[in-house]
Amino acid sequence: MNDIENSQSMMTEQDYQRWQRSLPAQVFLNYFHALHLHVKQGDKAYELPKVTHFSQRKALLTEVDLASVRRHLSNSWNTEYTILQTAALGDVDYQQHALHWTFPQAYYSIEESLKALLRVNGSNRAPTRVLTAAGRLVKQKFYPQPISFYAFGEAHHPKVYGLPAGRWAKPALTPAQNKREVQSQLRQFLRTTHRQRAQRVRNRVQGNPKTALRSERTGEILRRFNREHWQQLAWQTGYTTVFHLLQRLVISASNREIERFVVADIDTELFHQCLLGIVSYINFIHEAYIVQIVGDDTYTTWLSDLPPYLKSGFVSERYEERITLVTNQNAAA
């Protein structure tokens, strides 16, 4: 009998029912806990100068471009600030109900810094294409190792890249503790997210008579898919990356399933800490690239014009403690 079975055998019926109700939320927390640990345990998480693309960023930016970059960064920072404030409160009841807005905030903060990065790279992507562009960046190893993983292929049997340690491990219902367990959780998170994305592509394609896949025998729109049919949609699904994992937060918040997190018996404080750590790390990467392109003078001017709660807080600290160190290392290389 394993530990989970032992613990279940000692539960009262009421405790067991509460555990069952909380299980979906706990699994979701496990995924983000694993992602947070994957970043924290990454040996090369902050070694941006060793990322080939980091030293090759060149761009000619107009005043309109710079204004757009600055606006996206401001949106990102203000959203991250609200997550930070919620995480700092430490009130469990408040944090549990705050998941209604913390979930989408975590994603939107990163999306805004991503839009800023795409703009300095000469891309003014429509919102629906932002994650497609991000997928290409991940595939091209634009990011450090901790978030350079992705899934690609047909819905139910995609190939997973960048998480070799978890290949043969079975994801547990308990939080990951080591590298193997972390990568196993992330591989599972990637596969389920990729499958959901592929299903939405199928619904869109099959819902349009002009694009729908049809039976070669009858010419009727297919109602059932085999592996070959799913494979035909693989390129439309594209690469499933860390950004799609974070987008799951928005999907959960926009559906009634968010309620299961509010009533679940999970460590809500840990959930906020994990989300904040992930947001802070990915925003750091985007900001470091932006500083590399726009220059320190422009960036510090932007920082000096920020409201006090940002200027004297995490935004300036991240620039002074990490981004400056990274850009100086790159200049010396």
C-alpha atoms as a PDB file:
ATOM      1  CA  MET A   1       0.000   0.000   0.000  1.00  0.00           C
ATOM      2  CA  ASN A   2       1.480   3.388  -1.004  1.00  0.00           C
ATOM      3  CA  ASP A   3       1.457   6.637   0.987  1.00  0.00           C
ATOM      4  CA  ILE A   4      -1.670   7.977  -0.748  1.00  0.00           C
ATOM      5  CA  GLU A   5      -3.595   4.769  -0.042  1.00  0.00           C
ATOM      6  CA  ASN A   6      -2.411   4.851   3.580  1.00  0.00           C
ATOM      7  CA  SER A   7      -3.550   8.425   4.033  1.00  0.00           C
ATOM      8  CA  GLN A   8      -6.904   7.657   2.386  1.00  0.00           C
ATOM      9  CA  SER A   9      -7.479   4.685   4.701  1.00  0.00           C
ATOM     10  CA  MET A  10      -7.094   6.958   7.728  1.00  0.00           C
ATOM     11  CA  MET A  11      -9.524   9.592   6.418  1.00  0.00           C
ATOM     12  CA  THR A  12     -13.074  10.002   7.617  1.00  0.00           C
ATOM     13  CA  GLU A  13     -15.752   9.853   4.934  1.00  0.00           C
ATOM     14  CA  GLN A  14     -16.104  13.635   5.095  1.00  0.00           C
ATOM     15  CA  ASP A  15     -12.352  14.137   4.755  1.00  0.00           C
ATOM     16  CA  TYR A  16     -12.223  11.723   1.835  1.00  0.00           C
ATOM     17  CA  GLN A  17     -15.012  13.538  -0.010  1.00  0.00           C
ATOM     18  CA  ARG A  18     -13.246  16.865   0.561  1.00  0.00           C
ATOM     19  CA  TRP A  19     -10.008  15.331  -0.747  1.00  0.00           C
ATOM     20  CA  GLN A  20     -11.762  14.079  -3.878  1.00  0.00           C
ATOM     21  CA  ARG A  21     -13.345  17.481  -4.517  1.00  0.00           C
ATOM     22  CA  SER A  22      -9.955  19.137  -4.106  1.00  0.00           C
ATOM     23  CA  LEU A  23      -8.055  16.704  -6.319  1.00  0.00           C
ATOM     24  CA  PRO A  24      -8.452  18.557  -9.683  1.00  0.00           C
ATOM     25  CA  ALA A  25      -7.311  21.809  -8.072  1.00  0.00           C
ATOM     26  CA  GLN A  26      -4.396  20.036  -6.364  1.00  0.00           C
ATOM     27  CA  VAL A  27      -3.242  18.537  -9.664  1.00  0.00           C
ATOM     28  CA  PHE A  28      -3.372  22.004 -11.255  1.00  0.00           C
ATOM     29  CA  LEU A  29      -1.339  23.414  -8.357  1.00  0.00           C
ATOM     30  CA  ASN A  30       1.138  20.539  -8.750  1.00  0.00           C
ATOM     31  CA  TYR A  31       1.713  21.554 -12.367  1.00  0.00           C
ATOM     32  CA  PHE A  32       2.579  25.150 -11.513  1.00  0.00           C
ATOM     33  CA  HIS A  33       4.590  24.087  -8.494  1.00  0.00           C
ATOM     34  CA  ALA A  34       6.613  21.865 -10.842  1.00  0.00           C
ATOM     35  CA  LEU A  35       7.113  24.735 -13.292  1.00  0.00           C
ATOM     36  CA  HIS A  36       8.277  27.001 -10.480  1.00  0.00           C
ATOM     37  CA  LEU A  37      10.730  24.372  -9.226  1.00  0.00           C
ATOM     38  CA  HIS A  38      11.956  23.755 -12.772  1.00  0.00           C
ATOM     39  CA  VAL A  39      12.926  27.427 -13.012  1.00  0.00           C
ATOM     40  CA  LYS A  40      14.453  27.547  -9.514  1.00  0.00           C
ATOM     41  CA  GLN A  41      16.483  24.389 -10.092  1.00  0.00           C
ATOM     42  CA  GLY A  42      17.623  25.382 -13.580  1.00  0.00           C
ATOM     43  CA  ASP A  43      21.421  25.667 -13.639  1.00  0.00           C
ATOM     44  CA  LYS A  44      21.326  28.102 -16.556  1.00  0.00           C
ATOM     45  CA  ALA A  45      18.172  30.011 -15.685  1.00  0.00           C
ATOM     46  CA  TYR A  46      19.890  33.404 -15.574  1.00  0.00           C
ATOM     47  CA  GLU A  47      22.723  32.820 -18.030  1.00  0.00           C
ATOM     48  CA  LEU A  48      21.195  34.811 -20.859  1.00  0.00           C
ATOM     49  CA  PRO A  49      24.578  35.736 -22.391  1.00  0.00           C
ATOM     50  CA  LYS A  50      24.998  32.031 -23.167  1.00  0.00           C
ATOM     51  CA  VAL A  51      21.756  32.058 -25.185  1.00  0.00           C
ATOM     52  CA  THR A  52      22.850  32.557 -28.788  1.00  0.00           C
ATOM     53  CA  HIS A  53      20.051  34.939 -29.730  1.00  0.00           C
ATOM     54  CA  PHE A  54      20.631  37.258 -26.773  1.00  0.00           C
ATOM     55  CA  SER A  55      23.792  38.845 -28.188  1.00  0.00           C
ATOM     56  CA  GLN A  56      22.352  39.052 -31.697  1.00  0.00           C
ATOM     57  CA  ARG A  57      19.389  41.301 -30.982  1.00  0.00           C
ATOM     58  CA  LYS A  58      19.497  44.346 -33.284  1.00  0.00           C
ATOM     59  CA  ALA A  59      16.606  46.579 -34.254  1.00  0.00           C
ATOM     60  CA  LEU A  60      15.824  50.038 -35.590  1.00  0.00           C
ATOM     61  CA  LEU A  61      12.914  51.346 -33.556  1.00  0.00           C
ATOM     62  CA  THR A  62      10.719  54.347 -34.287  1.00  0.00           C
ATOM     63  CA  GLU A  63       9.210  56.576 -31.638  1.00  0.00           C
ATOM     64  CA  VAL A  64       5.916  54.780 -32.212  1.00  0.00           C
ATOM     65  CA  ASP A  65       7.638  51.449 -31.572  1.00  0.00           C
ATOM     66  CA  LEU A  66       9.241  52.707 -28.381  1.00  0.00           C
ATOM     67  CA  ALA A  67       5.951  54.139 -27.116  1.00  0.00           C
ATOM     68  CA  SER A  68       4.255  50.805 -27.743  1.00  0.00           C
ATOM     69  CA  VAL A  69       7.009  48.876 -25.941  1.00  0.00           C
ATOM     70  CA  ARG A  70       6.811  51.229 -22.993  1.00  0.00           C
ATOM     71  CA  ARG A  71       3.012  50.889 -22.809  1.00  0.00           C
ATOM     72  CA  HIS A  72       3.140  47.097 -22.843  1.00  0.00           C
ATOM     73  CA  LEU A  73       5.813  47.075 -20.137  1.00  0.00           C
ATOM     74  CA  SER A  74       3.748  49.414 -17.979  1.00  0.00           C
ATOM     75  CA  ASN A  75       0.746  47.108 -18.322  1.00  0.00           C
ATOM     76  CA  SER A  76       2.909  44.115 -17.446  1.00  0.00           C
ATOM     77  CA  TRP A  77       4.452  45.753 -14.390  1.00  0.00           C
ATOM     78  CA  ASN A  78       1.172  47.046 -12.967  1.00  0.00           C
ATOM     79  CA  THR A  79      -0.415  43.624 -13.344  1.00  0.00           C
ATOM     80  CA  GLU A  80       2.559  41.907 -11.735  1.00  0.00           C
ATOM     81  CA  TYR A  81       2.354  44.424  -8.879  1.00  0.00           C
ATOM     82  CA  THR A  82      -1.209  43.356  -8.070  1.00  0.00           C
ATOM     83  CA  ILE A  83      -0.129  39.696  -7.946  1.00  0.00           C
ATOM     84  CA  LEU A  84       2.746  40.643  -5.660  1.00  0.00           C
ATOM     85  CA  GLN A  85       0.424  42.499  -3.319  1.00  0.00           C
ATOM     86  CA  THR A  86      -1.961  39.551  -3.120  1.00  0.00           C
ATOM     87  CA  ALA A  87       0.876  37.106  -2.440  1.00  0.00           C
ATOM     88  CA  ALA A  88       2.304  39.403   0.254  1.00  0.00           C
ATOM     89  CA  LEU A  89      -0.949  39.643   2.226  1.00  0.00           C
ATOM     90  CA  GLY A  90      -0.714  36.119   3.579  1.00  0.00           C
ATOM     91  CA  ASP A  91      -4.434  35.919   4.335  1.00  0.00           C
ATOM     92  CA  VAL A  92      -5.478  32.456   3.168  1.00  0.00           C
ATOM     93  CA  ASP A  93      -9.194  33.215   2.787  1.00  0.00           C
ATOM     94  CA  TYR A  94      -8.486  36.349   0.781  1.00  0.00           C
ATOM     95  CA  GLN A  95      -5.922  34.569  -1.398  1.00  0.00           C
ATOM     96  CA  GLN A  96      -8.319  31.729  -2.091  1.00  0.00           C
ATOM     97  CA  HIS A  97     -11.001  34.069  -3.418  1.00  0.00           C
ATOM     98  CA  ALA A  98      -8.349  36.190  -5.145  1.00  0.00           C
ATOM     99  CA  LEU A  99      -7.662  33.311  -7.545  1.00  0.00           C
ATOM    100  CA  HIS A 100     -10.565  34.686  -9.609  1.00  0.00           C
ATOM    101  CA  TRP A 101      -8.350  37.579 -10.673  1.00  0.00           C
ATOM    102  CA  THR A 102      -4.858  36.258  -9.893  1.00  0.00           C
ATOM    103  CA  PHE A 103      -5.176  33.518 -12.529  1.00  0.00           C
ATOM    104  CA  PRO A 104      -5.753  35.831 -15.500  1.00  0.00           C
ATOM    105  CA  GLN A 105      -3.393  38.466 -14.093  1.00  0.00           C
ATOM    106  CA  ALA A 106      -0.488  36.015 -14.095  1.00  0.00           C
ATOM    107  CA  TYR A 107      -1.020  35.275 -17.770  1.00  0.00           C
ATOM    108  CA  TYR A 108      -1.711  38.850 -18.872  1.00  0.00           C
ATOM    109  CA  SER A 109       1.385  40.220 -17.148  1.00  0.00           C
ATOM    110  CA  ILE A 110       3.541  37.815 -19.137  1.00  0.00           C
ATOM    111  CA  GLU A 111       1.555  38.383 -22.328  1.00  0.00           C
ATOM    112  CA  GLU A 112       2.130  42.129 -22.089  1.00  0.00           C
ATOM    113  CA  SER A 113       5.897  41.770 -21.609  1.00  0.00           C
ATOM    114  CA  LEU A 114       5.895  39.287 -24.507  1.00  0.00           C
ATOM    115  CA  LYS A 115       4.126  41.839 -26.716  1.00  0.00           C
ATOM    116  CA  ALA A 116       6.796  44.382 -25.750  1.00  0.00           C
ATOM    117  CA  LEU A 117       9.502  41.906 -26.726  1.00  0.00           C
ATOM    118  CA  LEU A 118       7.846  41.109 -30.051  1.00  0.00           C
ATOM    119  CA  ARG A 119       7.578  44.832 -30.786  1.00  0.00           C
ATOM    120  CA  VAL A 120      11.303  45.444 -30.277  1.00  0.00           C
ATOM    121  CA  ASN A 121      11.897  42.519 -32.594  1.00  0.00           C
ATOM    122  CA  GLY A 122       9.916  44.301 -35.297  1.00  0.00           C
ATOM    123  CA  SER A 123       6.681  42.399 -34.897  1.00  0.00           C
ATOM    124  CA  ASN A 124       3.335  44.030 -34.220  1.00  0.00           C
ATOM    125  CA  ARG A 125       1.389  40.821 -33.741  1.00  0.00           C
ATOM    126  CA  ALA A 126      -2.367  40.633 -33.492  1.00  0.00           C
ATOM    127  CA  PRO A 127      -3.435  39.244 -30.097  1.00  0.00           C
ATOM    128  CA  THR A 128      -4.489  35.926 -31.640  1.00  0.00           C
ATOM    129  CA  ARG A 129      -1.010  35.422 -33.102  1.00  0.00           C
ATOM    130  CA  VAL A 130       1.089  36.321 -30.056  1.00  0.00           C
ATOM    131  CA  LEU A 131       1.331  32.762 -28.762  1.00  0.00           C
ATOM    132  CA  THR A 132       2.131  31.465 -32.229  1.00  0.00           C
ATOM    133  CA  ALA A 133       5.072  33.860 -32.362  1.00  0.00           C
ATOM    134  CA  ALA A 134       6.093  32.837 -28.842  1.00  0.00           C
ATOM    135  CA  GLY A 135       6.020  29.186 -29.877  1.00  0.00           C
ATOM    136  CA  ARG A 136       8.503  29.893 -32.648  1.00  0.00           C
ATOM    137  CA  LEU A 137      10.785  31.700 -30.206  1.00  0.00           C
ATOM    138  CA  VAL A 138      10.770  28.714 -27.859  1.00  0.00           C
ATOM    139  CA  LYS A 139      11.429  26.338 -30.756  1.00  0.00           C
ATOM    140  CA  GLN A 140      14.361  28.523 -31.873  1.00  0.00           C
ATOM    141  CA  LYS A 141      15.866  28.350 -28.335  1.00  0.00           C
ATOM    142  CA  PHE A 142      15.339  32.040 -27.742  1.00  0.00           C
ATOM    143  CA  TYR A 143      14.803  31.314 -24.042  1.00  0.00           C
ATOM    144  CA  PRO A 144      17.043  29.739 -21.387  1.00  0.00           C
ATOM    145  CA  GLN A 145      16.774  26.022 -20.720  1.00  0.00           C
ATOM    146  CA  PRO A 146      14.149  26.128 -17.896  1.00  0.00           C
ATOM    147  CA  ILE A 147      11.383  27.272 -20.273  1.00  0.00           C
ATOM    148  CA  SER A 148      12.720  25.941 -23.594  1.00  0.00           C
ATOM    149  CA  PHE A 149      10.430  22.931 -23.621  1.00  0.00           C
ATOM    150  CA  TYR A 150       7.490  22.300 -25.927  1.00  0.00           C
ATOM    151  CA  ALA A 151       5.177  19.703 -27.435  1.00  0.00           C
ATOM    152  CA  PHE A 152       4.413  19.187 -31.100  1.00  0.00           C
ATOM    153  CA  GLY A 153       2.502  16.627 -33.125  1.00  0.00           C
ATOM    154  CA  GLU A 154      -0.893  14.989 -33.253  1.00  0.00           C
ATOM    155  CA  ALA A 155      -3.267  15.472 -30.374  1.00  0.00           C
ATOM    156  CA  HIS A 156      -2.932  12.241 -28.423  1.00  0.00           C
ATOM    157  CA  HIS A 157       0.699  11.328 -29.082  1.00  0.00           C
ATOM    158  CA  PRO A 158       2.703  14.554 -29.312  1.00  0.00           C
ATOM    159  CA  LYS A 159       6.458  14.581 -29.037  1.00  0.00           C
ATOM    160  CA  VAL A 160       7.780  16.450 -25.995  1.00  0.00           C
ATOM    161  CA  TYR A 161      11.091  18.278 -26.288  1.00  0.00           C
ATOM    162  CA  GLY A 162      13.307  19.701 -23.547  1.00  0.00           C
ATOM    163  CA  LEU A 163      12.173  17.538 -20.609  1.00  0.00           C
ATOM    164  CA  PRO A 164      14.254  14.355 -20.895  1.00  0.00           C
ATOM    165  CA  ALA A 165      14.443  13.511 -17.189  1.00  0.00           C
ATOM    166  CA  GLY A 166      10.694  12.931 -16.869  1.00  0.00           C
ATOM    167  CA  ARG A 167      10.298  10.758 -19.951  1.00  0.00           C
ATOM    168  CA  TRP A 168       9.711   7.452 -18.196  1.00  0.00           C
ATOM    169  CA  ALA A 169       8.274   8.736 -14.908  1.00  0.00           C
ATOM    170  CA  LYS A 170       4.588   8.572 -14.064  1.00  0.00           C
ATOM    171  CA  PRO A 171       3.192  11.857 -12.679  1.00  0.00           C
ATOM    172  CA  ALA A 172       2.159  11.565  -9.039  1.00  0.00           C
ATOM    173  CA  LEU A 173      -0.784  13.196  -7.279  1.00  0.00           C
ATOM    174  CA  THR A 174       1.623  14.783  -4.805  1.00  0.00           C
ATOM    175  CA  PRO A 175       3.858  17.850  -5.418  1.00  0.00           C
ATOM    176  CA  ALA A 176       7.097  17.114  -7.246  1.00  0.00           C
ATOM    177  CA  GLN A 177      10.262  16.989  -5.161  1.00  0.00           C
ATOM    178  CA  ASN A 178      13.103  16.283  -7.563  1.00  0.00           C
ATOM    179  CA  LYS A 179      14.129  16.843 -11.170  1.00  0.00           C
ATOM    180  CA  ARG A 180      12.605  13.615 -12.441  1.00  0.00           C
ATOM    181  CA  GLU A 181       9.248  14.277 -10.773  1.00  0.00           C
ATOM    182  CA  VAL A 182       9.248  17.926 -11.878  1.00  0.00           C
ATOM    183  CA  GLN A 183       9.778  17.052 -15.522  1.00  0.00           C
ATOM    184  CA  SER A 184       7.234  14.248 -15.336  1.00  0.00           C
ATOM    185  CA  GLN A 185       4.593  16.733 -14.117  1.00  0.00           C
ATOM    186  CA  LEU A 186       5.512  19.218 -16.845  1.00  0.00           C
ATOM    187  CA  ARG A 187       5.398  16.572 -19.566  1.00  0.00           C
ATOM    188  CA  GLN A 188       1.887  15.633 -18.443  1.00  0.00           C
ATOM    189  CA  PHE A 189       0.858  19.305 -18.309  1.00  0.00           C
ATOM    190  CA  LEU A 190       2.169  19.806 -21.849  1.00  0.00           C
ATOM    191  CA  ARG A 191       0.384  16.763 -23.227  1.00  0.00           C
ATOM    192  CA  THR A 192      -3.006  17.619 -21.722  1.00  0.00           C
ATOM    193  CA  THR A 193      -2.719  21.243 -22.838  1.00  0.00           C
ATOM    194  CA  HIS A 194      -1.652  20.228 -26.342  1.00  0.00           C
ATOM    195  CA  ARG A 195      -4.600  17.841 -26.585  1.00  0.00           C
ATOM    196  CA  GLN A 196      -7.040  20.564 -25.538  1.00  0.00           C
ATOM    197  CA  ARG A 197      -5.573  22.974 -28.091  1.00  0.00           C
ATOM    198  CA  ALA A 198      -5.792  20.336 -30.835  1.00  0.00           C
ATOM    199  CA  GLN A 199      -9.432  19.697 -29.946  1.00  0.00           C
ATOM    200  CA  ARG A 200     -10.228  23.402 -30.362  1.00  0.00           C
ATOM    201  CA  VAL A 201      -8.482  23.376 -33.757  1.00  0.00           C
ATOM    202  CA  ARG A 202     -10.542  20.353 -34.768  1.00  0.00           C
ATOM    203  CA  ASN A 203     -13.782  22.056 -33.706  1.00  0.00           C
ATOM    204  CA  ARG A 204     -12.880  25.126 -35.752  1.00  0.00           C
ATOM    205  CA  VAL A 205     -11.804  23.189 -38.841  1.00  0.00           C
ATOM    206  CA  GLN A 206     -14.686  20.715 -38.794  1.00  0.00           C
ATOM    207  CA  GLY A 207     -17.178  23.472 -38.075  1.00  0.00           C
ATOM    208  CA  ASN A 208     -16.439  25.071 -41.444  1.00  0.00           C
ATOM    209  CA  PRO A 209     -17.624  23.079 -44.506  1.00  0.00           C
ATOM    210  CA  LYS A 210     -14.856  24.684 -46.587  1.00  0.00           C
ATOM    211  CA  THR A 211     -12.035  23.438 -44.346  1.00  0.00           C
ATOM    212  CA  ALA A 212     -13.496  20.296 -42.803  1.00  0.00           C
ATOM    213  CA  LEU A 213     -11.793  16.964 -43.358  1.00  0.00           C
ATOM    214  CA  ARG A 214     -14.089  14.573 -45.213  1.00  0.00           C
ATOM    215  CA  SER A 215     -14.464  10.864 -45.718  1.00  0.00           C
ATOM    216  CA  GLU A 216     -12.724   9.685 -48.872  1.00  0.00           C
ATOM    217  CA  ARG A 217     -15.500   7.143 -49.352  1.00  0.00           C
ATOM    218  CA  THR A 218     -18.645   9.211 -48.796  1.00  0.00           C
ATOM    219  CA  GLY A 219     -17.455  12.809 -48.968  1.00  0.00           C
ATOM    220  CA  GLU A 220     -19.223  13.501 -45.682  1.00  0.00           C
ATOM    221  CA  ILE A 221     -17.616  15.645 -42.974  1.00  0.00           C
ATOM    222  CA  LEU A 222     -15.730  13.355 -40.610  1.00  0.00           C
ATOM    223  CA  ARG A 223     -17.277  12.809 -37.198  1.00  0.00           C
ATOM    224  CA  ARG A 224     -14.550  10.507 -35.928  1.00  0.00           C
ATOM    225  CA  PHE A 225     -10.829  11.094 -36.205  1.00  0.00           C
ATOM    226  CA  ASN A 226      -8.074   8.530 -36.379  1.00  0.00           C
ATOM    227  CA  ARG A 227      -4.403   9.250 -35.748  1.00  0.00           C
ATOM    228  CA  GLU A 228      -3.802  10.223 -39.386  1.00  0.00           C
ATOM    229  CA  HIS A 229      -6.589  12.805 -39.276  1.00  0.00           C
ATOM    230  CA  TRP A 230      -5.202  14.331 -36.082  1.00  0.00           C
ATOM    231  CA  GLN A 231      -1.759  14.444 -37.687  1.00  0.00           C
ATOM    232  CA  GLN A 232      -3.155  16.589 -40.511  1.00  0.00           C
ATOM    233  CA  LEU A 233      -4.068  19.240 -37.939  1.00  0.00           C
ATOM    234  CA  ALA A 234      -0.684  19.200 -36.175  1.00  0.00           C
ATOM    235  CA  TRP A 235       0.723  22.233 -37.978  1.00  0.00           C
ATOM    236  CA  GLN A 236      -2.424  24.236 -37.286  1.00  0.00           C
ATOM    237  CA  THR A 237      -2.101  23.398 -33.610  1.00  0.00           C
ATOM    238  CA  GLY A 238       1.573  24.380 -33.658  1.00  0.00           C
ATOM    239  CA  TYR A 239       3.950  24.277 -30.712  1.00  0.00           C
ATOM    240  CA  THR A 240       2.540  24.020 -27.212  1.00  0.00           C
ATOM    241  CA  THR A 241       4.838  25.939 -24.856  1.00  0.00           C
ATOM    242  CA  VAL A 242       5.023  27.366 -21.368  1.00  0.00           C
ATOM    243  CA  PHE A 243       2.866  30.270 -22.580  1.00  0.00           C
ATOM    244  CA  HIS A 244      -0.003  27.921 -23.395  1.00  0.00           C
ATOM    245  CA  LEU A 245       0.353  26.361 -19.951  1.00  0.00           C
ATOM    246  CA  LEU A 246      -0.079  29.812 -18.450  1.00  0.00           C
ATOM    247  CA  GLN A 247      -3.007  30.517 -20.757  1.00  0.00           C
ATOM    248  CA  ARG A 248      -4.783  27.661 -18.983  1.00  0.00           C
ATOM    249  CA  LEU A 249      -5.088  30.065 -16.045  1.00  0.00           C
ATOM    250  CA  VAL A 250      -7.259  32.377 -18.142  1.00  0.00           C
ATOM    251  CA  ILE A 251      -9.371  29.510 -19.430  1.00  0.00           C
ATOM    252  CA  SER A 252      -9.933  28.253 -15.886  1.00  0.00           C
ATOM    253  CA  ALA A 253     -10.837  31.726 -14.652  1.00  0.00           C
ATOM    254  CA  SER A 254     -13.272  32.351 -17.501  1.00  0.00           C
ATOM    255  CA  ASN A 255     -15.132  29.076 -16.928  1.00  0.00           C
ATOM    256  CA  ARG A 256     -17.079  27.905 -13.909  1.00  0.00           C
ATOM    257  CA  GLU A 257     -14.250  25.521 -13.026  1.00  0.00           C
ATOM    258  CA  ILE A 258     -12.550  28.372 -11.142  1.00  0.00           C
ATOM    259  CA  GLU A 259     -15.077  27.666  -8.371  1.00  0.00           C
ATOM    260  CA  ARG A 260     -13.402  24.347  -7.619  1.00  0.00           C
ATOM    261  CA  PHE A 261     -10.227  26.213  -6.667  1.00  0.00           C
ATOM    262  CA  VAL A 262     -12.074  28.567  -4.346  1.00  0.00           C
ATOM    263  CA  VAL A 263     -13.621  25.722  -2.353  1.00  0.00           C
ATOM    264  CA  ALA A 264     -10.681  23.308  -2.641  1.00  0.00           C
ATOM    265  CA  ASP A 265      -8.519  22.309   0.297  1.00  0.00           C
ATOM    266  CA  ILE A 266      -5.166  23.260  -1.261  1.00  0.00           C
ATOM    267  CA  ASP A 267      -2.199  25.437  -0.283  1.00  0.00           C
ATOM    268  CA  THR A 268      -3.397  28.694  -1.832  1.00  0.00           C
ATOM    269  CA  GLU A 269      -0.447  30.658  -0.481  1.00  0.00           C
ATOM    270  CA  LEU A 270       1.932  28.288  -2.269  1.00  0.00           C
ATOM    271  CA  PHE A 271      -0.079  28.689  -5.464  1.00  0.00           C
ATOM    272  CA  HIS A 272       0.366  32.475  -5.357  1.00  0.00           C
ATOM    273  CA  GLN A 273       4.081  32.142  -4.613  1.00  0.00           C
ATOM    274  CA  CYS A 274       4.548  29.803  -7.571  1.00  0.00           C
ATOM    275  CA  LEU A 275       2.631  32.045  -9.949  1.00  0.00           C
ATOM    276  CA  LEU A 276       4.549  35.101  -8.803  1.00  0.00           C
ATOM    277  CA  GLY A 277       7.905  33.332  -9.207  1.00  0.00           C
ATOM    278  CA  ILE A 278       7.031  32.204 -12.735  1.00  0.00           C
ATOM    279  CA  VAL A 279       5.770  35.648 -13.762  1.00  0.00           C
ATOM    280  CA  SER A 280       8.823  37.371 -12.314  1.00  0.00           C
ATOM    281  CA  TYR A 281      11.220  35.033 -14.107  1.00  0.00           C
ATOM    282  CA  ILE A 282       9.650  35.219 -17.561  1.00  0.00           C
ATOM    283  CA  ASN A 283       9.207  38.987 -17.327  1.00  0.00           C
ATOM    284  CA  PHE A 284      12.874  39.251 -16.354  1.00  0.00           C
ATOM    285  CA  ILE A 285      13.879  37.454 -19.550  1.00  0.00           C
ATOM    286  CA  HIS A 286      11.726  39.675 -21.729  1.00  0.00           C
ATOM    287  CA  GLU A 287      12.948  42.828 -20.001  1.00  0.00           C
ATOM    288  CA  ALA A 288      16.602  41.791 -20.340  1.00  0.00           C
ATOM    289  CA  TYR A 289      16.163  41.366 -24.090  1.00  0.00           C
ATOM    290  CA  ILE A 290      14.434  44.737 -24.301  1.00  0.00           C
ATOM    291  CA  VAL A 291      17.244  46.501 -22.409  1.00  0.00           C
ATOM    292  CA  GLN A 292      19.724  44.843 -24.750  1.00  0.00           C
ATOM    293  CA  ILE A 293      17.928  46.424 -27.720  1.00  0.00           C
ATOM    294  CA  VAL A 294      16.704  49.839 -26.532  1.00  0.00           C
ATOM    295  CA  GLY A 295      19.765  50.536 -24.354  1.00  0.00           C
ATOM    296  CA  ASP A 296      20.213  51.407 -20.690  1.00  0.00           C
ATOM    297  CA  ASP A 297      19.630  55.133 -21.160  1.00  0.00           C
ATOM    298  CA  THR A 298      16.186  54.699 -22.665  1.00  0.00           C
ATOM    299  CA  TYR A 299      15.205  51.994 -20.213  1.00  0.00           C
ATOM    300  CA  THR A 300      16.316  53.908 -17.108  1.00  0.00           C
ATOM    301  CA  THR A 301      14.401  56.943 -18.368  1.00  0.00           C
ATOM    302  CA  TRP A 302      11.289  54.795 -18.496  1.00  0.00           C
ATOM    303  CA  LEU A 303      11.971  53.568 -14.966  1.00  0.00           C
ATOM    304  CA  SER A 304      12.472  57.091 -13.635  1.00  0.00           C
ATOM    305  CA  ASP A 305       9.011  58.090 -14.882  1.00  0.00           C
ATOM    306  CA  LEU A 306       7.234  55.236 -13.123  1.00  0.00           C
ATOM    307  CA  PRO A 307       4.930  55.858 -10.134  1.00  0.00           C
ATOM    308  CA  PRO A 308       6.658  55.431  -6.752  1.00  0.00           C
ATOM    309  CA  TYR A 309       5.173  52.006  -6.011  1.00  0.00           C
ATOM    310  CA  LEU A 310       6.944  50.638  -9.103  1.00  0.00           C
ATOM    311  CA  LYS A 311      10.002  52.873  -9.234  1.00  0.00           C
ATOM    312  CA  SER A 312      11.092  51.957  -5.713  1.00  0.00           C
ATOM    313  CA  GLY A 313       9.897  48.377  -5.935  1.00  0.00           C
ATOM    314  CA  PHE A 314      10.452  45.160  -7.851  1.00  0.00           C
ATOM    315  CA  VAL A 315      10.789  46.765 -11.313  1.00  0.00           C
ATOM    316  CA  SER A 316      13.885  48.776 -10.442  1.00  0.00           C
ATOM    317  CA  GLU A 317      15.236  45.993  -8.241  1.00  0.00           C
ATOM    318  CA  ARG A 318      14.999  43.490 -11.083  1.00  0.00           C
ATOM    319  CA  TYR A 319      16.821  45.873 -13.401  1.00  0.00           C
ATOM    320  CA  GLU A 320      19.577  46.719 -10.910  1.00  0.00           C
ATOM    321  CA  GLU A 321      20.124  43.231  -9.485  1.00  0.00           C
ATOM    322  CA  ARG A 322      19.698  40.967 -12.505  1.00  0.00           C
ATOM    323  CA  ILE A 323      19.254  42.722 -15.833  1.00  0.00           C
ATOM    324  CA  THR A 324      22.262  45.018 -15.404  1.00  0.00           C
ATOM    325  CA  LEU A 325      24.401  42.045 -14.391  1.00  0.00           C
ATOM    326  CA  VAL A 326      23.278  40.059 -17.440  1.00  0.00           C
ATOM    327  CA  THR A 327      23.799  42.881 -19.941  1.00  0.00           C
ATOM    328  CA  ASN A 328      27.232  43.676 -18.470  1.00  0.00           C
ATOM    329  CA  GLN A 329      28.240  40.031 -18.762  1.00  0.00           C
ATOM    330  CA  ASN A 330      27.104  40.047 -22.366  1.00  0.00           C
ATOM    331  CA  ALA A 331      29.083  43.196 -23.144  1.00  0.00           C
ATOM    332  CA  ALA A 332      32.207  41.682 -21.611  1.00  0.00           C
ATOM    333  CA  ALA A 333      31.870  38.415 -23.509  1.00  0.00           C
END
